[in-house]
Amino acid sequence: MKTSIREKVLILIGVTWIVGGAVAFLPVRNFLLYQLGPISPRHRELVLIVMGSVVFILVCWGLTTITYRRTDLVANLNLLLVSIVIMSPLLMEITLRTGIAIGHPKFRTPGLYANVLSDDDYYKLRIVWGLDNIDKEMAESADLNEFQRSSSGLAYDPILGWAYKRTPQNPLGVIADTPYVLEAAEGSVLFYGDSFVGAGKLMADKIPQQLQSLLPGKTVYNFGVPGYGLDQIYLRFKQSHDLFKKPVVIIGILTVDLDRCIMKNRSRPKPYFLIKENELVLSGVPVETNNDSYLKKNPIGITSYFGAALVQFAEYLETGGNLMDSEHRRGEIERVSKSLIEGIVQEANANSLDLRFVIFVPASGGGWRKAFLIREIERWGIPYLDTEPVLIESMAKPKPGDFASLYYEESGHHNKLANGIIAKAIAEHFFKHPRQ
């Protein structure tokens, strides 16, 4: 008997049910276990049983479709199921947009729709959904004295985007605990970077401050600013180093600072660089002062929240849940970062500056970003310190420990112990300070 077109379609649908069920088992199981977090062996077994049952049903239905493809009941049921599958994206889009509209926190989670490391939309969503309060991000702390409180607030900067307030008592807008007078004396150490340079629950906990105590006769300036990308670090370095006479310049780079340099907004507008004819071109300046007006000119780029969620889900599957392994926009990140590192080196060479690099990594490790940084820094022959092996070595002496124990769980920054280890390593590695 000749096979009709309807039967051929049903055979194809039946094979799709079988293959789809078998192929989807592992990634969906892994995703569910990841979302559930730590669960008991009994519950884990229950998840596997449910998933296995679903696969079994899909395979059986696929075989049933192929075997009984001539019956109207099977044809009609498959038409219904296929219609549901086709309509599911639309229904999911409506569900997501409804959840977002009513303000449900499960739906208003930017990480569901955008990459936190390198997507502007992640931070635009935070702004629109009221998840950021940047005016209070440097709130006063009981651990800060009066001078620290008056100097610690972040202020708008037309070139940098944001920076610490400059005052007569703090003319550089650095992280400091006492007033100072800027002098172009030799022996200064300028430490640039993001919050990994500036972080510490107490002023004395911070890496530059701990380094200061190890280097008598030198003044260490803490130029760390929260949220900075490599582009902003480069700009801050360019606009301030000539205030000093023959300083030692330390550029601290957290691996994800590379991702930030391709972004135009991180909860507030920021400068960024484009590469035109192999040259860095500063863009986005003067930086927009207001998020509302910025968003009118640069609206959220997501057209389908379900589609965006699927992209993030695929990225989760690709990285096994470790976002630091993501290669999202890697080519663009490496291209701009390479030019920025070259710009830093050329600026230092043109001004006869003693340049050093310090590489920081998050608790999950450095990955391809660290390998890229090391490769580029070594290409220029600039001394550098990779803090990851330094910290790993410290855990074995005097006792083993967990690498994550060197980070504050709530913020992901190095804790006082880790900052002290890094400060001592910098003093020894760059300044030949004797090991203690």
Protein backbone atom coordinates (compact mmCIF):
# COMPACT_ATOMS: atom_id res chain seq x y z
CA MET A 1 0.00 0.00 0.00
CA LYS A 2 1.30 3.42 -0.93
CA THR A 3 2.24 5.66 2.01
CA SER A 4 0.22 8.87 2.01
CA ILE A 5 1.60 12.31 2.76
CA ARG A 6 -0.28 12.30 6.08
CA GLU A 7 1.40 9.06 7.09
CA LYS A 8 4.83 10.38 6.12
CA VAL A 9 4.25 13.47 8.26
CA LEU A 10 3.14 11.30 11.19
CA ILE A 11 6.22 9.08 10.82
CA LEU A 12 8.39 12.22 10.94
CA ILE A 13 6.51 13.48 14.00
CA GLY A 14 6.87 10.09 15.70
CA VAL A 15 10.64 10.07 15.11
CA THR A 16 10.81 13.63 16.46
CA TRP A 17 9.08 12.58 19.70
CA ILE A 18 11.54 9.71 20.14
CA VAL A 19 14.70 11.65 19.32
CA GLY A 20 13.57 14.81 21.14
CA GLY A 21 12.80 12.92 24.33
CA ALA A 22 16.12 11.08 24.33
CA VAL A 23 18.27 14.12 23.43
CA ALA A 24 16.61 16.49 25.91
CA PHE A 25 16.96 14.18 28.92
CA LEU A 26 20.49 15.09 30.06
CA PRO A 27 20.43 18.89 29.63
CA VAL A 28 16.97 19.26 31.17
CA ARG A 29 17.92 16.98 34.08
CA ASN A 30 21.11 18.97 34.70
CA PHE A 31 19.20 22.26 34.58
CA LEU A 32 16.57 21.03 37.07
CA LEU A 33 19.20 19.75 39.49
CA TYR A 34 21.07 23.06 39.24
CA GLN A 35 17.90 25.09 39.91
CA LEU A 36 16.93 22.89 42.86
CA GLY A 37 20.39 23.31 44.41
CA PRO A 38 21.52 20.99 47.23
CA ILE A 39 18.84 18.32 47.64
CA SER A 40 18.73 14.96 49.37
CA PRO A 41 19.64 11.75 47.47
CA ARG A 42 15.99 10.73 47.73
CA HIS A 43 14.77 13.91 46.01
CA ARG A 44 17.52 13.63 43.40
CA GLU A 45 16.37 10.10 42.68
CA LEU A 46 12.80 11.37 42.38
CA VAL A 47 13.89 13.95 39.78
CA LEU A 48 15.60 11.22 37.76
CA ILE A 49 12.54 8.99 37.98
CA VAL A 50 10.24 11.78 36.79
CA MET A 51 12.58 12.72 33.95
CA GLY A 52 13.00 9.09 32.97
CA SER A 53 9.23 8.65 32.96
CA VAL A 54 8.80 11.66 30.68
CA VAL A 55 11.38 10.29 28.25
CA PHE A 56 9.71 6.86 28.36
CA ILE A 57 6.30 8.41 27.61
CA LEU A 58 7.70 10.46 24.69
CA VAL A 59 9.44 7.42 23.20
CA CYS A 60 6.35 5.26 23.61
CA TRP A 61 4.16 7.94 22.06
CA GLY A 62 6.59 8.28 19.17
CA LEU A 63 6.46 4.53 18.54
CA THR A 64 2.66 4.59 18.87
CA THR A 65 2.46 7.43 16.34
CA ILE A 66 4.55 5.51 13.83
CA THR A 67 2.72 2.22 14.39
CA TYR A 68 -0.84 3.57 14.35
CA ARG A 69 -0.28 6.42 11.92
CA ARG A 70 -3.33 5.43 9.87
CA THR A 71 -5.80 5.93 12.72
CA ASP A 72 -7.67 9.22 13.07
CA LEU A 73 -7.26 9.28 16.87
CA VAL A 74 -3.46 9.23 16.68
CA ALA A 75 -3.49 11.82 13.91
CA ASN A 76 -5.80 14.13 15.85
CA LEU A 77 -3.85 13.77 19.12
CA ASN A 78 -0.61 14.60 17.33
CA LEU A 79 -2.24 17.61 15.70
CA LEU A 80 -3.26 18.80 19.17
CA LEU A 81 0.18 18.17 20.67
CA VAL A 82 2.01 19.82 17.78
CA SER A 83 -0.32 22.82 18.03
CA ILE A 84 0.51 23.10 21.72
CA VAL A 85 4.23 22.93 20.95
CA ILE A 86 3.90 25.61 18.29
CA MET A 87 1.78 27.82 20.56
CA SER A 88 4.01 27.30 23.60
CA PRO A 89 6.52 30.07 22.73
CA LEU A 90 3.70 32.58 22.39
CA LEU A 91 2.12 31.40 25.64
CA MET A 92 5.50 31.56 27.38
CA GLU A 93 6.08 35.09 26.06
CA ILE A 94 2.67 36.17 27.36
CA THR A 95 3.37 34.50 30.71
CA LEU A 96 6.76 36.18 31.11
CA ARG A 97 5.49 39.61 30.13
CA THR A 98 2.52 39.24 32.47
CA GLY A 99 4.80 38.25 35.35
CA ILE A 100 7.06 41.21 34.60
CA ALA A 101 4.11 43.59 34.36
CA ILE A 102 2.71 42.61 37.77
CA GLY A 103 6.17 42.91 39.30
CA HIS A 104 6.68 39.30 40.37
CA PRO A 105 10.33 38.96 41.51
CA LYS A 106 10.74 35.55 39.86
CA PHE A 107 10.05 37.12 36.48
CA ARG A 108 11.89 40.37 37.21
CA THR A 109 15.24 38.62 37.37
CA PRO A 110 17.58 40.24 34.79
CA GLY A 111 19.85 37.20 34.66
CA LEU A 112 17.01 35.23 33.05
CA TYR A 113 17.19 37.44 29.97
CA ALA A 114 20.70 38.90 29.72
CA ASN A 115 24.32 38.09 30.53
CA VAL A 116 25.39 39.87 33.72
CA LEU A 117 29.02 40.05 32.61
CA SER A 118 28.72 41.79 29.26
CA ASP A 119 25.14 42.71 28.32
CA ASP A 120 23.93 46.29 28.76
CA ASP A 121 20.35 45.01 28.89
CA TYR A 122 21.05 43.28 32.22
CA TYR A 123 21.71 46.63 33.89
CA LYS A 124 19.01 48.46 31.96
CA LEU A 125 16.50 45.94 33.31
CA ARG A 126 17.79 46.54 36.84
CA ILE A 127 17.24 50.27 36.37
CA VAL A 128 13.76 49.93 34.86
CA TRP A 129 12.65 47.41 37.48
CA GLY A 130 14.00 49.49 40.37
CA LEU A 131 16.52 46.88 41.48
CA ASP A 132 19.37 49.40 41.76
CA ASN A 133 19.61 52.34 44.09
CA ILE A 134 22.88 53.84 42.98
CA ASP A 135 22.41 56.92 45.14
CA LYS A 136 22.81 54.75 48.24
CA GLU A 137 25.43 52.29 47.05
CA MET A 138 28.13 54.01 49.09
CA ALA A 139 26.00 54.39 52.23
CA GLU A 140 27.68 55.57 55.38
CA SER A 141 29.18 52.90 57.59
CA ALA A 142 29.77 52.86 61.32
CA ASP A 143 33.34 51.79 60.55
CA LEU A 144 34.14 55.04 58.71
CA ASN A 145 35.33 58.18 60.42
CA GLU A 146 33.99 61.63 59.52
CA PHE A 147 36.59 62.22 56.80
CA GLN A 148 35.96 58.81 55.24
CA ARG A 149 32.21 59.39 55.15
CA SER A 150 32.58 62.77 53.50
CA SER A 151 35.00 61.33 50.92
CA SER A 152 33.44 57.95 50.17
CA GLY A 153 30.47 58.89 48.00
CA LEU A 154 30.48 58.22 44.27
CA ALA A 155 29.77 61.24 42.10
CA TYR A 156 29.03 61.80 38.43
CA ASP A 157 32.09 62.27 36.23
CA PRO A 158 31.65 63.36 32.58
CA ILE A 159 34.62 61.28 31.38
CA LEU A 160 34.77 58.34 33.80
CA GLY A 161 31.04 57.95 34.35
CA TRP A 162 31.45 57.92 38.12
CA ALA A 163 34.28 58.45 40.58
CA TYR A 164 34.84 59.28 44.23
CA LYS A 165 34.22 62.87 45.21
CA ARG A 166 37.16 65.24 44.94
CA THR A 167 37.39 67.65 47.85
CA PRO A 168 40.05 70.04 49.18
CA GLN A 169 40.93 67.38 51.76
CA ASN A 170 40.88 64.60 49.13
CA PRO A 171 41.99 66.32 45.88
CA LEU A 172 42.50 63.05 43.98
CA GLY A 173 39.22 61.44 44.97
CA VAL A 174 41.04 58.35 46.21
CA ILE A 175 40.11 55.98 49.03
CA ALA A 176 41.81 57.44 52.07
CA ASP A 177 41.22 57.76 55.81
CA THR A 178 42.92 61.11 56.49
CA PRO A 179 43.20 64.45 54.67
CA TYR A 180 46.35 64.93 52.59
CA VAL A 181 48.11 67.49 50.44
CA LEU A 182 49.06 66.42 46.94
CA GLU A 183 52.81 66.66 46.40
CA ALA A 184 54.73 65.62 43.30
CA ALA A 185 57.32 63.85 45.38
CA GLU A 186 59.07 60.67 44.25
CA GLY A 187 58.25 57.40 45.95
CA SER A 188 54.51 57.34 45.28
CA VAL A 189 52.69 54.13 44.33
CA LEU A 190 49.50 54.58 42.30
CA PHE A 191 47.22 51.56 42.56
CA TYR A 192 44.39 51.59 39.97
CA GLY A 193 41.54 49.13 39.59
CA ASP A 194 37.96 48.30 40.48
CA SER A 195 36.38 47.27 43.78
CA PHE A 196 38.88 44.43 44.23
CA VAL A 197 41.47 47.17 44.77
CA GLY A 198 39.13 49.30 46.86
CA ALA A 199 37.37 46.53 48.79
CA GLY A 200 37.69 45.88 52.50
CA LYS A 201 35.21 46.14 55.37
CA LEU A 202 37.64 48.39 57.22
CA MET A 203 40.00 50.92 55.70
CA ALA A 204 42.99 48.99 57.04
CA ASP A 205 41.76 45.80 55.31
CA LYS A 206 42.20 47.12 51.76
CA ILE A 207 45.13 45.95 49.64
CA PRO A 208 46.71 49.40 48.97
CA GLN A 209 46.37 50.31 52.66
CA GLN A 210 47.99 47.04 53.73
CA LEU A 211 50.69 47.55 51.10
CA GLN A 212 51.35 51.02 52.55
CA SER A 213 52.20 49.47 55.91
CA LEU A 214 54.75 47.19 54.20
CA LEU A 215 56.51 49.96 52.26
CA PRO A 216 57.91 52.59 54.63
CA GLY A 217 59.02 55.72 52.83
CA LYS A 218 56.44 55.31 50.07
CA THR A 219 52.91 56.67 49.77
CA VAL A 220 50.38 54.27 48.27
CA TYR A 221 47.30 55.86 46.68
CA ASN A 222 44.17 53.73 46.38
CA PHE A 223 42.58 54.61 43.01
CA GLY A 224 40.15 51.66 43.09
CA VAL A 225 36.56 52.48 42.06
CA PRO A 226 33.63 50.01 42.27
CA GLY A 227 32.26 48.75 38.98
CA TYR A 228 35.08 50.00 36.77
CA GLY A 229 35.95 48.21 33.57
CA LEU A 230 39.39 48.14 32.00
CA ASP A 231 38.38 51.15 29.90
CA GLN A 232 37.63 53.32 32.94
CA ILE A 233 40.79 52.14 34.71
CA TYR A 234 42.76 53.22 31.64
CA LEU A 235 41.08 56.64 31.56
CA ARG A 236 41.61 57.25 35.29
CA PHE A 237 45.26 56.29 34.93
CA LYS A 238 45.74 58.68 31.98
CA GLN A 239 44.17 61.66 33.75
CA SER A 240 46.05 61.36 37.06
CA HIS A 241 49.55 59.87 36.70
CA ASP A 242 51.16 63.15 35.55
CA LEU A 243 50.38 64.70 38.95
CA PHE A 244 53.26 62.62 40.34
CA LYS A 245 56.98 62.47 39.78
CA LYS A 246 58.25 59.06 38.65
CA PRO A 247 55.56 57.01 40.41
CA VAL A 248 55.27 53.25 40.44
CA VAL A 249 52.00 52.42 38.67
CA ILE A 250 50.11 49.24 39.54
CA ILE A 251 47.14 48.36 37.34
CA GLY A 252 44.88 45.88 39.11
CA ILE A 253 42.64 43.97 36.69
CA LEU A 254 39.84 41.63 37.72
CA THR A 255 39.31 39.18 34.86
CA VAL A 256 35.71 40.31 34.29
CA ASP A 257 36.89 43.92 33.93
CA LEU A 258 37.51 42.84 30.34
CA ASP A 259 33.78 42.22 29.81
CA ARG A 260 32.91 45.59 31.28
CA CYS A 261 34.99 47.46 28.72
CA ILE A 262 32.51 46.62 25.92
CA MET A 263 29.50 47.81 27.91
CA LYS A 264 27.86 51.23 27.69
CA ASN A 265 25.90 51.01 30.94
CA ARG A 266 26.43 49.34 34.31
CA SER A 267 23.49 50.63 36.35
CA ARG A 268 24.48 54.08 35.10
CA PRO A 269 25.89 55.29 31.76
CA LYS A 270 29.64 54.86 31.25
CA PRO A 271 32.27 55.70 28.65
CA TYR A 272 33.40 53.06 26.18
CA PHE A 273 35.90 52.65 23.38
CA LEU A 274 35.36 51.74 19.75
CA ILE A 275 38.15 50.53 17.49
CA LYS A 276 38.32 52.40 14.20
CA GLU A 277 41.21 51.82 11.80
CA ASN A 278 43.04 49.95 14.60
CA GLU A 279 42.82 52.98 16.88
CA LEU A 280 40.92 53.37 20.17
CA VAL A 281 38.19 55.98 19.88
CA LEU A 282 36.63 57.18 23.13
CA SER A 283 32.83 57.26 22.86
CA GLY A 284 29.85 58.04 25.03
CA VAL A 285 31.37 61.21 26.49
CA PRO A 286 30.41 63.42 28.07
CA VAL A 287 28.61 60.65 29.89
CA GLU A 288 24.84 61.04 30.21
CA THR A 289 23.97 62.34 33.66
CA ASN A 290 20.51 60.82 33.94
CA ASN A 291 19.42 57.20 33.51
CA ASP A 292 15.91 58.13 32.36
CA SER A 293 17.11 60.29 29.49
CA TYR A 294 19.78 57.71 28.67
CA LEU A 295 17.19 54.93 28.40
CA LYS A 296 15.00 57.06 26.12
CA LYS A 297 17.92 57.30 23.69
CA ASN A 298 19.14 53.73 24.34
CA PRO A 299 16.11 51.53 25.14
CA ILE A 300 16.25 47.91 26.21
CA GLY A 301 17.09 45.79 23.17
CA ILE A 302 15.07 42.69 24.12
CA THR A 303 12.19 42.07 21.71
CA SER A 304 11.22 38.61 23.00
CA TYR A 305 11.72 37.73 26.66
CA PHE A 306 11.12 34.07 25.93
CA GLY A 307 13.74 34.13 23.19
CA ALA A 308 16.18 35.93 25.48
CA ALA A 309 15.51 33.36 28.21
CA LEU A 310 16.20 30.53 25.76
CA VAL A 311 19.56 32.12 24.87
CA GLN A 312 20.51 32.31 28.55
CA PHE A 313 19.38 28.71 29.06
CA ALA A 314 21.55 27.59 26.14
CA GLU A 315 24.49 29.46 27.63
CA TYR A 316 23.88 27.76 30.96
CA LEU A 317 23.98 24.37 29.25
CA GLU A 318 27.15 25.32 27.39
CA THR A 319 29.00 26.44 30.54
CA GLY A 320 27.61 23.85 32.92
CA GLY A 321 26.22 26.60 35.13
CA ASN A 322 29.53 28.46 35.53
CA LEU A 323 29.01 31.84 33.91
CA MET A 324 32.73 32.58 34.13
CA ASP A 325 33.26 29.99 31.40
CA SER A 326 30.96 31.92 29.09
CA GLU A 327 32.51 33.07 25.81
CA HIS A 328 29.68 35.48 25.10
CA ARG A 329 31.11 38.32 22.93
CA ARG A 330 34.61 36.93 23.54
CA GLY A 331 36.01 38.17 20.22
CA GLU A 332 34.86 41.73 20.90
CA ILE A 333 36.08 41.59 24.50
CA GLU A 334 39.55 40.43 23.52
CA ARG A 335 39.84 42.92 20.67
CA VAL A 336 39.03 45.97 22.80
CA SER A 337 40.96 44.71 25.85
CA LYS A 338 44.05 44.08 23.76
CA SER A 339 44.00 47.68 22.53
CA LEU A 340 43.43 49.01 26.05
CA ILE A 341 46.39 47.07 27.46
CA GLU A 342 48.49 48.38 24.59
CA GLY A 343 47.27 51.91 25.40
CA ILE A 344 48.25 51.54 29.06
CA VAL A 345 51.71 50.26 28.16
CA GLN A 346 52.30 52.99 25.58
CA GLU A 347 51.15 55.70 28.01
CA ALA A 348 53.53 54.35 30.64
CA ASN A 349 56.45 54.09 28.20
CA ALA A 350 55.85 57.61 26.82
CA ASN A 351 56.08 59.00 30.36
CA SER A 352 58.87 56.70 31.63
CA LEU A 353 56.60 55.19 34.26
CA ASP A 354 57.44 52.06 36.25
CA LEU A 355 54.42 49.91 35.28
CA ARG A 356 53.18 46.73 36.95
CA PHE A 357 50.04 44.60 36.60
CA VAL A 358 48.15 42.61 39.23
CA ILE A 359 45.59 40.05 38.04
CA PHE A 360 42.60 39.29 40.27
CA VAL A 361 40.21 36.38 39.74
CA PRO A 362 36.71 35.66 41.12
CA ALA A 363 36.15 32.68 43.39
CA SER A 364 35.27 30.50 40.39
CA GLY A 365 38.69 31.07 38.80
CA GLY A 366 40.23 33.01 35.95
CA GLY A 367 39.49 30.80 32.93
CA TRP A 368 40.16 32.05 29.41
CA ARG A 369 40.16 35.68 30.53
CA LYS A 370 43.17 35.20 32.79
CA ALA A 371 45.02 33.28 30.08
CA PHE A 372 44.34 36.14 27.68
CA LEU A 373 45.55 38.75 30.17
CA ILE A 374 48.77 36.90 30.89
CA ARG A 375 49.44 36.41 27.20
CA GLU A 376 48.96 40.11 26.43
CA ILE A 377 50.96 41.38 29.42
CA GLU A 378 53.83 39.01 28.68
CA ARG A 379 53.79 40.17 25.07
CA TRP A 380 54.85 43.61 26.32
CA GLY A 381 57.33 42.26 28.84
CA ILE A 382 55.68 44.03 31.78
CA PRO A 383 56.11 42.50 35.28
CA TYR A 384 52.87 41.13 36.70
CA LEU A 385 51.49 39.19 39.64
CA ASP A 386 48.85 36.51 39.18
CA THR A 387 47.05 36.40 42.54
CA GLU A 388 45.31 33.06 41.93
CA PRO A 389 48.35 30.79 42.48
CA VAL A 390 49.48 33.06 45.33
CA LEU A 391 46.20 32.50 47.15
CA ILE A 392 46.12 28.78 46.35
CA GLU A 393 49.65 28.39 47.74
CA SER A 394 48.66 30.25 50.90
CA MET A 395 45.93 27.73 51.67
CA ALA A 396 48.47 24.96 52.12
CA LYS A 397 50.48 26.98 54.61
CA PRO A 398 49.90 26.60 57.46
CA LYS A 399 46.76 24.55 56.75
CA PRO A 400 44.66 23.56 53.77
CA GLY A 401 41.52 25.52 53.09
CA ASP A 402 38.81 26.18 50.59
CA PHE A 403 39.65 28.76 47.89
CA ALA A 404 36.19 30.28 48.36
CA SER A 405 37.01 30.93 52.02
CA LEU A 406 39.26 33.79 50.87
CA TYR A 407 36.22 35.69 49.55
CA TYR A 408 33.32 37.37 51.30
CA GLU A 409 30.29 35.25 50.44
CA GLU A 410 27.91 38.23 50.28
CA SER A 411 29.99 40.37 47.90
CA GLY A 412 32.43 38.00 46.18
CA HIS A 413 35.38 40.25 47.06
CA HIS A 414 38.57 39.15 48.78
CA ASN A 415 38.37 39.21 52.55
CA LYS A 416 40.91 40.76 54.90
CA LEU A 417 43.05 37.61 54.96
CA ALA A 418 43.25 37.37 51.17
CA ASN A 419 43.97 41.10 50.84
CA GLY A 420 46.83 40.73 53.29
CA ILE A 421 48.29 37.78 51.39
CA ILE A 422 48.09 39.71 48.12
CA ALA A 423 49.61 42.88 49.65
CA LYS A 424 52.57 40.91 50.97
CA ALA A 425 53.02 39.18 47.60
CA ILE A 426 53.03 42.57 45.82
CA ALA A 427 55.57 43.98 48.28
CA GLU A 428 57.82 40.97 47.79
CA HIS A 429 57.33 40.59 44.04
CA PHE A 430 57.57 44.24 42.96
CA PHE A 431 59.49 45.94 45.77
CA LYS A 432 61.71 43.10 46.99
CA HIS A 433 60.17 43.37 50.44
CA PRO A 434 61.53 40.51 52.59
CA ARG A 435 59.10 37.65 53.22
CA GLN A 436 57.80 37.66 56.78
